[in-house]
Amino acid sequence: MMEIDTSAAAFVAGMVTSVHCVGMCGPLSCSWAIAGKGGGFMRSTALYHGGRMVSYGMAGAIAGMAGAVPLAIFQHGAGMVLPWMLVLAFACVGLGLDKWLPKPKFLAAGLRKVQAAAFRMKSTLRAGLLGLATPLLPCGPLYMMLALATANGSATKGAGFAVAFGLGTLPLLFLAQTQLHLLGGRLQPETMRKVQRGLALVTAVILAWRLRDTLDFGSNEAASCCHAMNN
């Protein structure tokens, strides 16, 4: 686990995912901002992203608790599970395999109900509620990161991992929300998808390179045992 900072990797994963969010879900993430600009708009933006961080943290905590028992059973080598799972996750996104991830239909139904209720509210309440409902979005990379949060093995670490991912999505989404009128149709979904995949593949290669020494842990242990026997 010491080979890479997994929270930093989760933050990078959020940045990579936000490229997809702007291209595919940008209008949805801006749909609450109907009441114009100014101070009210910025307050609503803060509530939206605050709601997202809270819901990510809660989902990550639940995932971390769910992974505590399996990791306790397989303690040997558990520290290397999450870093290599992150490598596989980035590679999966880079190869476009994340689109095949299952997306529970009951979550989408829940999201529609939340959206229907939210658009009967004032702008600030609407923004906060839609932010809290973000984990219900049919987003493959988001589900993948929440699944990886289980490898943290505790509620606290799982929550921190998920929040780091959420913070990574924030800069580009904030830019899209505040500059959507300027960006317009310039960001084509296909172009953004290619950028996302390229970034994901580069990140997977970098992480794998940094973790390369962990692959010979078996030979290192054997060498240590031989050294101990000789002494």
Protein backbone atom coordinates (compact mmCIF):
# COMPACT_ATOMS: atom_id res chain seq x y z
CA MET A 1 0.00 0.00 0.00
CA MET A 2 2.98 2.29 0.55
CA GLU A 3 4.00 2.09 -3.12
CA ILE A 4 1.39 4.67 -4.14
CA ASP A 5 -0.90 7.12 -2.38
CA THR A 6 -4.27 5.53 -3.11
CA SER A 7 -6.16 8.69 -2.15
CA ALA A 8 -4.15 10.61 -4.75
CA ALA A 9 -4.89 7.86 -7.26
CA ALA A 10 -8.59 8.14 -6.43
CA PHE A 11 -8.37 11.91 -6.98
CA VAL A 12 -6.80 11.31 -10.41
CA ALA A 13 -9.53 8.78 -11.15
CA GLY A 14 -12.06 11.49 -10.36
CA MET A 15 -10.35 13.89 -12.75
CA VAL A 16 -10.35 11.26 -15.50
CA THR A 17 -14.02 10.48 -14.85
CA SER A 18 -14.97 14.18 -14.91
CA VAL A 19 -13.88 14.32 -18.56
CA HIS A 20 -16.62 11.78 -19.25
CA CYS A 21 -19.04 13.68 -16.99
CA VAL A 22 -18.64 16.95 -18.89
CA GLY A 23 -19.01 15.27 -22.27
CA MET A 24 -21.89 12.95 -21.42
CA CYS A 25 -23.54 14.24 -18.24
CA GLY A 26 -22.65 17.93 -18.31
CA PRO A 27 -26.18 19.12 -19.08
CA LEU A 28 -27.54 16.84 -16.35
CA SER A 29 -25.09 18.16 -13.77
CA CYS A 30 -26.13 21.71 -14.72
CA SER A 31 -29.86 21.01 -14.85
CA TRP A 32 -30.51 22.46 -11.41
CA ALA A 33 -29.05 25.86 -12.36
CA ILE A 34 -32.20 27.42 -13.76
CA ALA A 35 -32.44 30.44 -11.49
CA GLY A 36 -29.72 32.54 -13.11
CA LYS A 37 -26.27 33.66 -11.98
CA GLY A 38 -24.89 35.77 -9.15
CA GLY A 39 -24.59 34.93 -5.45
CA GLY A 40 -27.56 32.56 -5.52
CA PHE A 41 -25.99 30.57 -8.30
CA MET A 42 -22.66 30.19 -6.49
CA ARG A 43 -24.46 29.19 -3.28
CA SER A 44 -26.42 26.55 -5.17
CA THR A 45 -23.21 25.32 -6.81
CA ALA A 46 -21.58 24.94 -3.40
CA LEU A 47 -24.61 23.04 -2.08
CA TYR A 48 -24.64 20.76 -5.11
CA HIS A 49 -21.00 19.77 -4.74
CA GLY A 50 -21.29 19.62 -0.96
CA GLY A 51 -24.15 17.17 -1.37
CA ARG A 52 -22.04 15.11 -3.75
CA MET A 53 -19.16 14.89 -1.27
CA VAL A 54 -21.50 13.84 1.54
CA SER A 55 -23.15 11.12 -0.54
CA TYR A 56 -19.78 9.87 -1.85
CA GLY A 57 -18.45 9.72 1.70
CA MET A 58 -21.48 7.77 2.93
CA ALA A 59 -21.34 5.33 0.01
CA GLY A 60 -17.59 4.88 0.45
CA ALA A 61 -18.00 4.24 4.19
CA ILE A 62 -20.60 1.53 3.51
CA ALA A 63 -18.33 -0.03 0.88
CA GLY A 64 -15.33 0.09 3.22
CA MET A 65 -17.28 -1.67 5.97
CA ALA A 66 -18.43 -4.32 3.49
CA GLY A 67 -14.81 -5.07 2.59
CA ALA A 68 -13.51 -5.25 6.16
CA VAL A 69 -14.30 -8.93 6.73
CA PRO A 70 -12.90 -10.31 3.43
CA LEU A 71 -9.67 -8.34 3.89
CA ALA A 72 -9.35 -9.58 7.47
CA ILE A 73 -9.65 -13.18 6.25
CA PHE A 74 -7.09 -12.72 3.48
CA GLN A 75 -4.65 -10.56 5.41
CA HIS A 76 -1.54 -11.83 3.58
CA GLY A 77 -0.86 -9.52 0.66
CA ALA A 78 -4.01 -7.44 1.33
CA GLY A 79 -1.94 -4.25 1.23
CA MET A 80 -1.29 -4.76 -2.49
CA VAL A 81 -4.92 -5.41 -3.41
CA LEU A 82 -6.15 -1.83 -3.78
CA PRO A 83 -3.18 -0.39 -5.75
CA TRP A 84 -3.35 -3.14 -8.36
CA MET A 85 -7.15 -2.96 -8.47
CA LEU A 86 -6.71 0.74 -9.28
CA VAL A 87 -4.38 -0.17 -12.14
CA LEU A 88 -7.00 -2.56 -13.50
CA ALA A 89 -9.74 0.05 -13.07
CA PHE A 90 -7.80 2.68 -15.06
CA ALA A 91 -7.00 0.10 -17.74
CA CYS A 92 -10.66 -0.88 -17.90
CA VAL A 93 -11.71 2.75 -18.46
CA GLY A 94 -8.89 3.28 -20.94
CA LEU A 95 -10.02 0.30 -23.01
CA GLY A 96 -13.65 1.39 -22.89
CA LEU A 97 -14.72 -1.71 -20.94
CA ASP A 98 -16.44 0.32 -18.22
CA LYS A 99 -19.49 0.79 -20.45
CA TRP A 100 -20.22 -2.93 -20.00
CA LEU A 101 -20.43 -2.63 -16.23
CA PRO A 102 -23.90 -3.47 -14.89
CA LYS A 103 -26.00 -0.45 -13.95
CA PRO A 104 -28.79 -1.38 -11.50
CA LYS A 105 -32.13 -0.29 -12.94
CA PHE A 106 -33.63 0.37 -9.53
CA LEU A 107 -31.06 3.15 -8.98
CA ALA A 108 -32.12 4.88 -12.21
CA ALA A 109 -35.76 4.67 -11.12
CA GLY A 110 -34.82 6.23 -7.78
CA LEU A 111 -32.95 9.02 -9.54
CA ARG A 112 -35.99 9.90 -11.66
CA LYS A 113 -38.12 10.18 -8.53
CA VAL A 114 -35.54 12.40 -6.85
CA GLN A 115 -35.30 14.63 -9.93
CA ALA A 116 -39.07 14.96 -10.13
CA ALA A 117 -39.20 16.02 -6.48
CA ALA A 118 -36.18 18.33 -6.82
CA PHE A 119 -37.64 20.38 -9.67
CA ARG A 120 -40.57 21.32 -7.48
CA MET A 121 -38.17 22.94 -5.01
CA LYS A 122 -36.30 26.22 -4.87
CA SER A 123 -32.93 26.41 -6.62
CA THR A 124 -30.76 25.94 -3.52
CA LEU A 125 -32.74 22.97 -2.19
CA ARG A 126 -32.87 21.49 -5.68
CA ALA A 127 -29.08 21.73 -6.04
CA GLY A 128 -28.40 20.11 -2.67
CA LEU A 129 -30.84 17.26 -3.26
CA LEU A 130 -29.50 16.49 -6.76
CA GLY A 131 -25.97 16.54 -5.37
CA LEU A 132 -26.93 14.00 -2.70
CA ALA A 133 -28.51 11.81 -5.40
CA THR A 134 -25.34 11.68 -7.54
CA PRO A 135 -24.47 8.03 -6.63
CA LEU A 136 -27.75 7.04 -8.30
CA LEU A 137 -26.45 8.14 -11.71
CA PRO A 138 -25.86 5.25 -14.17
CA CYS A 139 -22.09 5.89 -14.24
CA GLY A 140 -19.74 2.93 -14.74
CA PRO A 141 -16.55 4.62 -13.45
CA LEU A 142 -18.40 5.83 -10.34
CA TYR A 143 -19.65 2.34 -9.55
CA MET A 144 -16.15 1.01 -10.16
CA MET A 145 -14.61 3.44 -7.68
CA LEU A 146 -17.22 2.61 -5.05
CA ALA A 147 -16.46 -1.07 -5.57
CA LEU A 148 -12.75 -0.35 -5.10
CA ALA A 149 -13.57 1.44 -1.84
CA THR A 150 -14.29 -2.00 -0.36
CA ALA A 151 -10.57 -2.82 -0.64
CA ASN A 152 -9.83 -0.09 1.93
CA GLY A 153 -11.18 -2.42 4.62
CA SER A 154 -12.75 0.20 6.91
CA ALA A 155 -15.52 2.79 6.90
CA THR A 156 -13.11 5.69 7.49
CA LYS A 157 -10.67 4.75 4.73
CA GLY A 158 -13.50 3.88 2.34
CA ALA A 159 -15.13 7.26 2.93
CA GLY A 160 -11.81 9.09 2.43
CA PHE A 161 -11.15 7.17 -0.79
CA ALA A 162 -14.59 7.98 -2.20
CA VAL A 163 -14.40 11.67 -1.19
CA ALA A 164 -10.97 11.94 -2.84
CA PHE A 165 -12.55 10.57 -6.01
CA GLY A 166 -15.37 13.12 -5.73
CA LEU A 167 -12.94 16.00 -5.22
CA GLY A 168 -11.16 14.95 -8.40
CA THR A 169 -14.36 15.38 -10.38
CA LEU A 170 -14.99 18.85 -8.97
CA PRO A 171 -12.69 21.20 -10.99
CA LEU A 172 -13.86 20.25 -14.49
CA LEU A 173 -17.52 19.94 -13.48
CA PHE A 174 -17.38 23.37 -11.83
CA LEU A 175 -15.90 24.80 -15.02
CA ALA A 176 -18.68 23.23 -17.06
CA GLN A 177 -21.36 24.56 -14.73
CA THR A 178 -20.05 28.11 -14.71
CA GLN A 179 -18.96 28.30 -18.36
CA LEU A 180 -21.55 26.10 -20.06
CA HIS A 181 -22.82 29.06 -22.08
CA LEU A 182 -19.30 29.51 -23.53
CA LEU A 183 -18.50 25.84 -24.02
CA GLY A 184 -21.79 25.15 -25.75
CA GLY A 185 -21.48 22.29 -28.20
CA ARG A 186 -17.69 22.53 -28.54
CA LEU A 187 -17.13 19.55 -26.26
CA GLN A 188 -18.35 16.64 -28.30
CA PRO A 189 -18.98 13.41 -26.33
CA GLU A 190 -16.81 11.33 -28.66
CA THR A 191 -13.85 13.71 -28.30
CA MET A 192 -14.19 13.78 -24.51
CA ARG A 193 -14.41 9.99 -24.44
CA LYS A 194 -11.13 9.69 -26.35
CA VAL A 195 -9.44 12.14 -23.99
CA GLN A 196 -10.73 10.22 -20.99
CA ARG A 197 -9.49 6.88 -22.31
CA GLY A 198 -6.07 8.30 -23.14
CA LEU A 199 -5.67 9.78 -19.66
CA ALA A 200 -6.83 6.54 -18.06
CA LEU A 201 -4.35 4.41 -20.01
CA VAL A 202 -1.46 6.75 -19.21
CA THR A 203 -2.37 6.64 -15.51
CA ALA A 204 -2.62 2.84 -15.55
CA VAL A 205 0.88 2.59 -17.05
CA ILE A 206 2.34 5.04 -14.50
CA LEU A 207 0.78 3.22 -11.53
CA ALA A 208 1.85 -0.18 -12.83
CA TRP A 209 5.41 1.11 -13.27
CA ARG A 210 5.48 2.40 -9.69
CA LEU A 211 4.13 -0.92 -8.42
CA ARG A 212 6.45 -3.10 -10.50
CA ASP A 213 8.64 -4.05 -7.53
CA THR A 214 5.69 -5.61 -5.71
CA LEU A 215 5.47 -8.37 -8.32
CA ASP A 216 8.61 -10.08 -7.05
CA PHE A 217 7.47 -10.22 -3.43
CA GLY A 218 7.51 -14.03 -3.58
CA SER A 219 11.17 -14.18 -4.57
CA ASN A 220 12.04 -11.59 -1.91
CA GLU A 221 10.35 -13.69 0.77
CA ALA A 222 12.14 -16.82 -0.44
CA ALA A 223 15.48 -15.00 -0.36
CA SER A 224 14.78 -13.83 3.18
CA CYS A 225 13.95 -17.37 4.29
CA CYS A 226 17.15 -18.76 2.73
CA HIS A 227 19.18 -16.01 4.39
CA ALA A 228 17.63 -16.82 7.76
CA MET A 229 18.32 -20.56 7.34
CA ASN A 230 21.94 -19.93 6.41
CA ASN A 231 22.41 -17.80 9.52
